[in-house]
C-alpha atoms as a PDB file:
ATOM      1  CA  MET A   1      27.950  -4.064   3.932  1.00  0.00           C
ATOM      2  CA  ASN A   2      27.745  -0.344   3.992  1.00  0.00           C
ATOM      3  CA  ILE A   3      24.309   0.835   2.645  1.00  0.00           C
ATOM      4  CA  TYR A   4      23.560   3.571   4.727  1.00  0.00           C
ATOM      5  CA  ILE A   5      22.891   7.215   3.819  1.00  0.00           C
ATOM      6  CA  LYS A   6      26.095   9.571   3.488  1.00  0.00           C
ATOM      7  CA  LYS A   7      24.769  11.621   6.438  1.00  0.00           C
ATOM      8  CA  ILE A   8      26.272  15.142   5.233  1.00  0.00           C
ATOM      9  CA  GLY A   9      25.253  14.724   1.895  1.00  0.00           C
ATOM     10  CA  PHE A  10      21.613  13.864   2.575  1.00  0.00           C
ATOM     11  CA  LEU A  11      21.340  16.891   5.057  1.00  0.00           C
ATOM     12  CA  LEU A  12      22.592  19.238   2.780  1.00  0.00           C
ATOM     13  CA  THR A  13      19.661  17.872   0.310  1.00  0.00           C
ATOM     14  CA  LEU A  14      17.169  18.318   3.183  1.00  0.00           C
ATOM     15  CA  CYS A  15      18.096  21.620   4.788  1.00  0.00           C
ATOM     16  CA  LEU A  16      19.038  23.470   1.532  1.00  0.00           C
ATOM     17  CA  GLY A  17      16.008  25.299   1.076  1.00  0.00           C
ATOM     18  CA  PHE A  18      15.853  26.643   4.660  1.00  0.00           C
ATOM     19  CA  ALA A  19      19.807  27.488   4.360  1.00  0.00           C
ATOM     20  CA  LEU A  20      18.912  29.252   1.484  1.00  0.00           C
ATOM     21  CA  LEU A  21      16.471  31.303   3.232  1.00  0.00           C
ATOM     22  CA  ALA A  22      18.862  32.108   6.076  1.00  0.00           C
ATOM     23  CA  GLY A  23      20.806  33.716   4.151  1.00  0.00           C
ATOM     24  CA  CYS A  24      18.432  36.428   2.867  1.00  0.00           C
ATOM     25  CA  GLY A  25      18.440  38.259   5.978  1.00  0.00           C
ATOM     26  CA  GLY A  26      16.389  36.146   8.173  1.00  0.00           C
ATOM     27  CA  SER A  27      16.601  36.657  12.064  1.00  0.00           C
ATOM     28  CA  PRO A  28      19.458  34.400  13.365  1.00  0.00           C
ATOM     29  CA  LEU A  29      16.598  33.053  15.730  1.00  0.00           C
ATOM     30  CA  SER A  30      14.316  32.074  12.786  1.00  0.00           C
ATOM     31  CA  THR A  31      13.528  28.332  12.144  1.00  0.00           C
ATOM     32  CA  GLN A  32      15.562  28.474   8.677  1.00  0.00           C
ATOM     33  CA  ALA A  33      18.616  30.169  10.398  1.00  0.00           C
ATOM     34  CA  LEU A  34      18.571  27.565  13.467  1.00  0.00           C
ATOM     35  CA  LEU A  35      18.430  24.662  10.895  1.00  0.00           C
ATOM     36  CA  ASN A  36      21.080  26.124   8.747  1.00  0.00           C
ATOM     37  CA  GLN A  37      23.174  26.174  11.979  1.00  0.00           C
ATOM     38  CA  ALA A  38      22.880  22.844  13.035  1.00  0.00           C
ATOM     39  CA  LEU A  39      23.648  21.776   9.637  1.00  0.00           C
ATOM     40  CA  ASN A  40      26.679  23.706   9.494  1.00  0.00           C
ATOM     41  CA  ASP A  41      27.440  22.074  13.191  1.00  0.00           C
ATOM     42  CA  ALA A  42      26.821  18.593  11.847  1.00  0.00           C
ATOM     43  CA  SER A  43      29.422  19.131   8.782  1.00  0.00           C
ATOM     44  CA  ARG A  44      32.086  19.516  11.393  1.00  0.00           C
ATOM     45  CA  GLY A  45      30.798  16.730  13.258  1.00  0.00           C
ATOM     46  CA  ASP A  46      29.684  18.748  16.095  1.00  0.00           C
ATOM     47  CA  TRP A  47      26.472  16.865  16.479  1.00  0.00           C
ATOM     48  CA  LYS A  48      25.452  17.450  20.126  1.00  0.00           C
ATOM     49  CA  ASP A  49      25.683  21.431  19.339  1.00  0.00           C
ATOM     50  CA  ALA A  50      23.419  20.584  16.074  1.00  0.00           C
ATOM     51  CA  LEU A  51      20.808  18.724  18.637  1.00  0.00           C
ATOM     52  CA  GLU A  52      20.648  22.317  20.445  1.00  0.00           C
ATOM     53  CA  SER A  53      19.549  24.125  17.710  1.00  0.00           C
ATOM     54  CA  LEU A  54      16.973  21.069  16.291  1.00  0.00           C
ATOM     55  CA  GLU A  55      15.618  20.847  19.780  1.00  0.00           C
ATOM     56  CA  THR A  56      14.730  24.318  19.581  1.00  0.00           C
ATOM     57  CA  VAL A  57      13.255  23.743  16.417  1.00  0.00           C
ATOM     58  CA  ILE A  58      10.985  20.978  17.551  1.00  0.00           C
ATOM     59  CA  GLU A  59       9.805  22.875  20.594  1.00  0.00           C
ATOM     60  CA  ARG A  60       8.598  25.390  17.978  1.00  0.00           C
ATOM     61  CA  GLU A  61       7.244  23.311  15.169  1.00  0.00           C
ATOM     62  CA  PRO A  62       6.912  19.580  16.496  1.00  0.00           C
ATOM     63  CA  ARG A  63       5.281  18.581  13.683  1.00  0.00           C
ATOM     64  CA  ASN A  64       8.527  19.942  11.246  1.00  0.00           C
ATOM     65  CA  ILE A  65       9.437  16.357   9.713  1.00  0.00           C
ATOM     66  CA  ASN A  66      12.911  17.919   8.211  1.00  0.00           C
ATOM     67  CA  ALA A  67      13.825  18.761  11.261  1.00  0.00           C
ATOM     68  CA  LEU A  68      12.470  15.443  13.219  1.00  0.00           C
ATOM     69  CA  ILE A  69      14.365  13.396  10.491  1.00  0.00           C
ATOM     70  CA  PHE A  70      17.573  15.306  11.154  1.00  0.00           C
ATOM     71  CA  THR A  71      17.331  15.213  14.587  1.00  0.00           C
ATOM     72  CA  ALA A  72      17.023  10.986  14.454  1.00  0.00           C
ATOM     73  CA  ILE A  73      19.998  11.156  12.756  1.00  0.00           C
ATOM     74  CA  ALA A  74      21.956  13.543  14.861  1.00  0.00           C
ATOM     75  CA  TYR A  75      20.844  11.372  17.927  1.00  0.00           C
ATOM     76  CA  GLU A  76      22.398   8.446  16.059  1.00  0.00           C
ATOM     77  CA  SER A  77      25.577  10.003  15.314  1.00  0.00           C
ATOM     78  CA  CYS A  78      25.542  10.878  19.357  1.00  0.00           C
ATOM     79  CA  GLY A  79      24.893   6.786  19.977  1.00  0.00           C
ATOM     80  CA  GLU A  80      21.662   8.004  21.579  1.00  0.00           C
ATOM     81  CA  ASN A  81      19.828   5.222  19.440  1.00  0.00           C
ATOM     82  CA  ASP A  82      16.640   5.017  21.473  1.00  0.00           C
ATOM     83  CA  LEU A  83      16.443   8.863  21.272  1.00  0.00           C
ATOM     84  CA  SER A  84      16.983   8.495  17.600  1.00  0.00           C
ATOM     85  CA  LEU A  85      14.292   6.149  17.382  1.00  0.00           C
ATOM     86  CA  ASN A  86      11.695   7.898  19.031  1.00  0.00           C
ATOM     87  CA  ALA A  87      12.513  11.001  16.576  1.00  0.00           C
ATOM     88  CA  ALA A  88      12.043   8.871  13.528  1.00  0.00           C
ATOM     89  CA  ARG A  89       9.172   7.452  14.839  1.00  0.00           C
ATOM     90  CA  LEU A  90       7.302  11.047  15.187  1.00  0.00           C
ATOM     91  CA  ALA A  91       8.581  11.860  11.852  1.00  0.00           C
ATOM     92  CA  VAL A  92       6.601   8.819  10.592  1.00  0.00           C
ATOM     93  CA  LYS A  93       3.384   9.430  12.658  1.00  0.00           C
ATOM     94  CA  ASN A  94       3.477  13.058  11.658  1.00  0.00           C
ATOM     95  CA  ALA A  95       4.176  12.195   8.001  1.00  0.00           C
ATOM     96  CA  PRO A  96       3.326   8.651   6.902  1.00  0.00           C
ATOM     97  CA  ASN A  97       3.570   8.903   3.509  1.00  0.00           C
ATOM     98  CA  ASP A  98       7.113  10.695   3.495  1.00  0.00           C
ATOM     99  CA  PHE A  99       9.659   8.231   2.103  1.00  0.00           C
ATOM    100  CA  GLN A 100      13.194   9.944   3.912  1.00  0.00           C
ATOM    101  CA  ALA A 101      10.701   9.578   7.539  1.00  0.00           C
ATOM    102  CA  GLN A 102      10.012   5.712   6.513  1.00  0.00           C
ATOM    103  CA  TYR A 103      13.363   4.634   5.202  1.00  0.00           C
ATOM    104  CA  THR A 104      15.125   6.475   8.051  1.00  0.00           C
ATOM    105  CA  LEU A 105      13.101   4.446  10.603  1.00  0.00           C
ATOM    106  CA  GLY A 106      13.563   1.438   8.821  1.00  0.00           C
ATOM    107  CA  ARG A 107      17.246   1.875   8.728  1.00  0.00           C
ATOM    108  CA  LEU A 108      17.360   2.431  12.222  1.00  0.00           C
ATOM    109  CA  TYR A 109      15.142  -0.349  13.513  1.00  0.00           C
ATOM    110  CA  SER A 110      17.444  -2.365  10.938  1.00  0.00           C
ATOM    111  CA  LYS A 111      20.898  -1.839  13.005  1.00  0.00           C
ATOM    112  CA  ASP A 112      19.714  -3.859  15.938  1.00  0.00           C
ATOM    113  CA  GLN A 113      19.206  -7.570  15.506  1.00  0.00           C
ATOM    114  CA  GLN A 114      16.799  -8.018  18.075  1.00  0.00           C
ATOM    115  CA  LYS A 115      14.579  -5.021  16.470  1.00  0.00           C
ATOM    116  CA  MET A 116      14.955  -5.968  12.822  1.00  0.00           C
ATOM    117  CA  GLN A 117      11.360  -7.470  11.949  1.00  0.00           C
ATOM    118  CA  ASP A 118      10.253  -4.117  13.104  1.00  0.00           C
ATOM    119  CA  ALA A 119      12.322  -2.800  10.194  1.00  0.00           C
ATOM    120  CA  ILE A 120      10.324  -4.365   7.207  1.00  0.00           C
ATOM    121  CA  THR A 121       6.930  -2.248   7.588  1.00  0.00           C
ATOM    122  CA  PRO A 122       8.542   0.822   7.225  1.00  0.00           C
ATOM    123  CA  LEU A 123      11.003  -0.088   4.672  1.00  0.00           C
ATOM    124  CA  LEU A 124       7.936  -1.845   2.658  1.00  0.00           C
ATOM    125  CA  ARG A 125       6.347   1.478   2.900  1.00  0.00           C
ATOM    126  CA  ALA A 126       8.858   3.457   1.746  1.00  0.00           C
ATOM    127  CA  GLU A 127       9.245   0.852  -1.340  1.00  0.00           C
ATOM    128  CA  GLN A 128       5.954   1.713  -2.148  1.00  0.00           C
ATOM    129  CA  ILE A 129       6.730   5.357  -1.699  1.00  0.00           C
ATOM    130  CA  LYS A 130       9.505   4.872  -4.228  1.00  0.00           C
ATOM    131  CA  PRO A 131       9.658   1.522  -5.963  1.00  0.00           C
ATOM    132  CA  ASP A 132      13.226   2.116  -7.376  1.00  0.00           C
ATOM    133  CA  ASP A 133      14.974   3.152  -4.856  1.00  0.00           C
ATOM    134  CA  THR A 134      18.136   1.377  -4.601  1.00  0.00           C
ATOM    135  CA  LYS A 135      18.910   1.539  -1.220  1.00  0.00           C
ATOM    136  CA  THR A 136      15.615   0.644   0.251  1.00  0.00           C
ATOM    137  CA  LEU A 137      15.732  -2.545  -1.768  1.00  0.00           C
ATOM    138  CA  LEU A 138      19.104  -3.468  -0.660  1.00  0.00           C
ATOM    139  CA  LEU A 139      18.173  -3.112   2.841  1.00  0.00           C
ATOM    140  CA  LEU A 140      15.051  -5.051   2.495  1.00  0.00           C
ATOM    141  CA  GLY A 141      16.877  -7.815   0.875  1.00  0.00           C
ATOM    142  CA  ARG A 142      19.863  -7.674   3.960  1.00  0.00           C
ATOM    143  CA  CYS A 143      17.021  -7.798   6.698  1.00  0.00           C
ATOM    144  CA  SER A 144      15.050 -10.530   4.985  1.00  0.00           C
ATOM    145  CA  THR A 145      17.930 -12.577   4.562  1.00  0.00           C
ATOM    146  CA  ILE A 146      18.828 -12.366   8.250  1.00  0.00           C
ATOM    147  CA  LEU A 147      15.254 -12.809   9.010  1.00  0.00           C
ATOM    148  CA  LYS A 148      15.240 -16.172   6.743  1.00  0.00           C
ATOM    149  CA  LEU A 149      12.583 -14.646   4.664  1.00  0.00           C
ATOM    150  CA  ASP A 150      11.863 -16.071   0.983  1.00  0.00           C
ATOM    151  CA  SER A 151      11.167 -12.610  -0.347  1.00  0.00           C
ATOM    152  CA  ALA A 152      14.692 -11.495   0.141  1.00  0.00           C
ATOM    153  CA  ILE A 153      15.700 -12.637  -3.352  1.00  0.00           C
ATOM    154  CA  LYS A 154      12.696 -10.968  -4.944  1.00  0.00           C
ATOM    155  CA  TYR A 155      14.596  -7.565  -3.846  1.00  0.00           C
ATOM    156  CA  TYR A 156      18.172  -8.646  -5.043  1.00  0.00           C
ATOM    157  CA  LYS A 157      16.678  -9.793  -8.541  1.00  0.00           C
ATOM    158  CA  GLN A 158      14.928  -6.255  -8.415  1.00  0.00           C
ATOM    159  CA  LEU A 159      18.423  -4.475  -8.004  1.00  0.00           C
ATOM    160  CA  LEU A 160      20.181  -6.771 -10.472  1.00  0.00           C
ATOM    161  CA  LYS A 161      17.562  -4.968 -13.163  1.00  0.00           C
ATOM    162  CA  ASN A 162      19.458  -1.741 -12.465  1.00  0.00           C
ATOM    163  CA  LYS A 163      22.856  -1.730 -14.702  1.00  0.00           C
ATOM    164  CA  ASN A 164      24.645  -0.146 -11.492  1.00  0.00           C
ATOM    165  CA  PHE A 165      24.139  -3.008  -9.221  1.00  0.00           C
ATOM    166  CA  LYS A 166      25.092  -5.937 -12.223  1.00  0.00           C
ATOM    167  CA  LYS A 167      28.473  -5.713 -10.674  1.00  0.00           C
ATOM    168  CA  ASN A 168      28.048  -4.678  -7.221  1.00  0.00           C
ATOM    169  CA  PRO A 169      30.042  -6.961  -5.066  1.00  0.00           C
ATOM    170  CA  GLU A 170      27.888  -6.133  -2.137  1.00  0.00           C
ATOM    171  CA  LEU A 171      24.971  -7.521  -3.761  1.00  0.00           C
ATOM    172  CA  TRP A 172      26.480 -10.713  -5.057  1.00  0.00           C
ATOM    173  CA  ASN A 173      27.765 -11.149  -1.648  1.00  0.00           C
ATOM    174  CA  GLU A 174      24.172 -10.752   0.355  1.00  0.00           C
ATOM    175  CA  MET A 175      22.939 -13.117  -2.483  1.00  0.00           C
ATOM    176  CA  GLY A 176      25.693 -15.512  -1.588  1.00  0.00           C
ATOM    177  CA  ILE A 177      24.126 -15.719   1.912  1.00  0.00           C
ATOM    178  CA  TYR A 178      20.616 -16.329   1.082  1.00  0.00           C
ATOM    179  CA  TYR A 179      21.749 -19.002  -0.948  1.00  0.00           C
ATOM    180  CA  ALA A 180      23.850 -20.502   1.202  1.00  0.00           C
ATOM    181  CA  GLU A 181      21.213 -20.458   4.265  1.00  0.00           C
ATOM    182  CA  ARG A 182      19.089 -22.528   2.120  1.00  0.00           C
ATOM    183  CA  GLN A 183      21.588 -24.972   1.255  1.00  0.00           C
ATOM    184  CA  GLU A 184      21.746 -24.177  -2.646  1.00  0.00           C
ATOM    185  CA  ILE A 185      25.309 -24.468  -2.606  1.00  0.00           C
ATOM    186  CA  ARG A 186      25.872 -23.901  -6.601  1.00  0.00           C
ATOM    187  CA  GLN A 187      23.837 -20.552  -6.488  1.00  0.00           C
ATOM    188  CA  ALA A 188      25.605 -19.532  -3.440  1.00  0.00           C
ATOM    189  CA  ALA A 189      29.132 -20.391  -4.724  1.00  0.00           C
ATOM    190  CA  ASN A 190      28.156 -18.519  -7.926  1.00  0.00           C
ATOM    191  CA  CYS A 191      27.710 -15.455  -6.032  1.00  0.00           C
ATOM    192  CA  PHE A 192      30.100 -15.666  -3.542  1.00  0.00           C
ATOM    193  CA  VAL A 193      32.539 -15.927  -6.248  1.00  0.00           C
ATOM    194  CA  LYS A 194      31.527 -13.041  -8.229  1.00  0.00           C
ATOM    195  CA  ALA A 195      31.344 -11.127  -5.303  1.00  0.00           C
ATOM    196  CA  TYR A 196      35.010 -11.470  -4.901  1.00  0.00           C
ATOM    197  CA  LYS A 197      35.624 -11.263  -8.402  1.00  0.00           C
ATOM    198  CA  PHE A 198      34.236  -7.676  -8.199  1.00  0.00           C
ATOM    199  CA  ASP A 199      35.879  -6.693  -5.307  1.00  0.00           C
ATOM    200  CA  SER A 200      38.272  -8.586  -3.489  1.00  0.00           C
ATOM    201  CA  SER A 201      40.032  -5.792  -1.069  1.00  0.00           C
ATOM    202  CA  LYS A 202      36.770  -5.947   1.110  1.00  0.00           C
ATOM    203  CA  PRO A 203      37.145  -7.976   4.118  1.00  0.00           C
ATOM    204  CA  LEU A 204      33.905  -9.071   4.886  1.00  0.00           C
ATOM    205  CA  ILE A 205      33.480 -10.177   1.077  1.00  0.00           C
ATOM    206  CA  VAL A 206      36.773 -12.310   1.472  1.00  0.00           C
ATOM    207  CA  LEU A 207      35.688 -13.461   4.603  1.00  0.00           C
ATOM    208  CA  ASN A 208      32.104 -14.821   3.637  1.00  0.00           C
ATOM    209  CA  LEU A 209      33.965 -16.849   0.782  1.00  0.00           C
ATOM    210  CA  ALA A 210      36.389 -18.239   3.103  1.00  0.00           C
ATOM    211  CA  THR A 211      33.630 -19.451   5.264  1.00  0.00           C
ATOM    212  CA  PHE A 212      31.464 -20.674   2.500  1.00  0.00           C
ATOM    213  CA  MET A 213      34.362 -22.741   1.390  1.00  0.00           C
ATOM    214  CA  ASP A 214      35.060 -24.057   4.685  1.00  0.00           C
ATOM    215  CA  GLN A 215      31.883 -24.702   6.211  1.00  0.00           C
ATOM    216  CA  TYR A 216      29.449 -25.317   3.105  1.00  0.00           C
ATOM    217  CA  VAL A 217      31.570 -26.713   0.467  1.00  0.00           C
ATOM    218  CA  GLY A 218      34.564 -28.634   2.863  1.00  0.00           C
ATOM    219  CA  ASP A 219      37.176 -27.104   1.284  1.00  0.00           C
ATOM    220  CA  SER A 220      39.164 -26.176   4.362  1.00  0.00           C
ATOM    221  CA  GLU A 221      42.543 -25.881   2.534  1.00  0.00           C
ATOM    222  CA  ARG A 222      41.276 -23.298  -0.282  1.00  0.00           C
ATOM    223  CA  ALA A 223      39.595 -21.618   2.573  1.00  0.00           C
ATOM    224  CA  LEU A 224      42.988 -20.860   4.539  1.00  0.00           C
ATOM    225  CA  ARG A 225      44.297 -19.060   1.395  1.00  0.00           C
ATOM    226  CA  TYR A 226      40.994 -16.528   1.919  1.00  0.00           C
ATOM    227  CA  TYR A 227      40.993 -16.604   5.714  1.00  0.00           C
ATOM    228  CA  LYS A 228      44.719 -15.351   5.489  1.00  0.00           C
ATOM    229  CA  LYS A 229      43.493 -12.980   3.293  1.00  0.00           C
ATOM    230  CA  TYR A 230      41.129 -11.490   5.504  1.00  0.00           C
ATOM    231  CA  LEU A 231      43.771 -11.119   8.559  1.00  0.00           C
ATOM    232  CA  LYS A 232      45.755  -9.124   5.795  1.00  0.00           C
ATOM    233  CA  LEU A 233      42.720  -6.694   4.796  1.00  0.00           C
ATOM    234  CA  ALA A 234      40.708  -6.500   8.026  1.00  0.00           C
ATOM    235  CA  VAL A 235      42.115  -3.710  10.101  1.00  0.00           C
ATOM    236  CA  PRO A 236      42.904  -4.393  13.773  1.00  0.00           C
ATOM    237  CA  SER A 237      40.413  -2.370  16.258  1.00  0.00           C
ATOM    238  CA  PRO A 238      37.890  -3.141  19.018  1.00  0.00           C
ATOM    239  CA  SER A 239      35.068  -3.968  16.823  1.00  0.00           C
ATOM    240  CA  SER A 240      37.225  -6.609  14.527  1.00  0.00           C
ATOM    241  CA  GLU A 241      38.820  -8.083  17.478  1.00  0.00           C
ATOM    242  CA  THR A 242      36.373 -10.990  17.860  1.00  0.00           C
ATOM    243  CA  GLN A 243      36.181 -11.565  14.492  1.00  0.00           C
ATOM    244  CA  ARG A 244      39.976 -11.794  13.802  1.00  0.00           C
ATOM    245  CA  LYS A 245      40.360 -14.249  16.823  1.00  0.00           C
ATOM    246  CA  ARG A 246      37.981 -16.655  15.495  1.00  0.00           C
ATOM    247  CA  VAL A 247      39.558 -16.503  11.831  1.00  0.00           C
ATOM    248  CA  LYS A 248      43.126 -16.807  13.919  1.00  0.00           C
ATOM    249  CA  ALA A 249      41.748 -19.638  15.852  1.00  0.00           C
ATOM    250  CA  ARG A 250      40.280 -21.237  12.512  1.00  0.00           C
ATOM    251  CA  ILE A 251      43.629 -20.927  10.831  1.00  0.00           C
ATOM    252  CA  GLU A 252      45.554 -22.541  13.654  1.00  0.00           C
ATOM    253  CA  LYS A 253      42.836 -25.434  13.469  1.00  0.00           C
ATOM    254  CA  ILE A 254      43.234 -26.236   9.802  1.00  0.00           C
ATOM    255  CA  ASN A 255      47.120 -26.039   9.871  1.00  0.00           C
ATOM    256  CA  ALA A 256      47.028 -28.743  12.933  1.00  0.00           C
ATOM    257  CA  ASN A 257      45.027 -30.758  11.051  1.00  0.00           C
ATOM    258  CA  GLY A 258      47.530 -30.656   8.119  1.00  0.00           C
END
């Protein structure tokens, strides 16, 4: 489930004020101009160039929250996860009541299952600051589900109050996982079927329905259909290869058992 912010759109919002100032005759070496240049570089995918401008800003203004959050995202985009977390931690330290700082730190922690427990505190703080923010609630639900916390369902139900989420396949998929892990089979089945109904083109949703039918319901013949559909939908890639091999092996076993 991809619930992460769209980086360029967020950065445009983050830096709009700086960009406007930079266009009003400011020095090309001003903080505003440097942030504007970093935004331009990021928009082209030149994250390393963006970091050069951002590092200059932070040397000048170590407590510049927008620059720190921008830097965290830039390091993340360069694959420098530890540096990304360091920048986000600094942003939270300097501005503990800043929603975007707390959310960014929680989101970065949530990417690593070994650090997911650490994501809960900043995400809860982000929720306190913006109680109805849907991306925070969804991420809290996902992390809580993976960590097997009962509180997960609370965030999912809160999202269902939002009309935009009543037919959201990813939300129903996450709820299915929550109920399946608790052996609440009827509720899980309802959720997985709804997720599939609302979007049968997403490989993960199809795979989760297949796995649920196979491992929790014990209907391997019915699961076979969805396993095969998953293989058609999942684009072969290094990141999907392990999962595709597992699914192919399971299909072969089901067929061998008749």
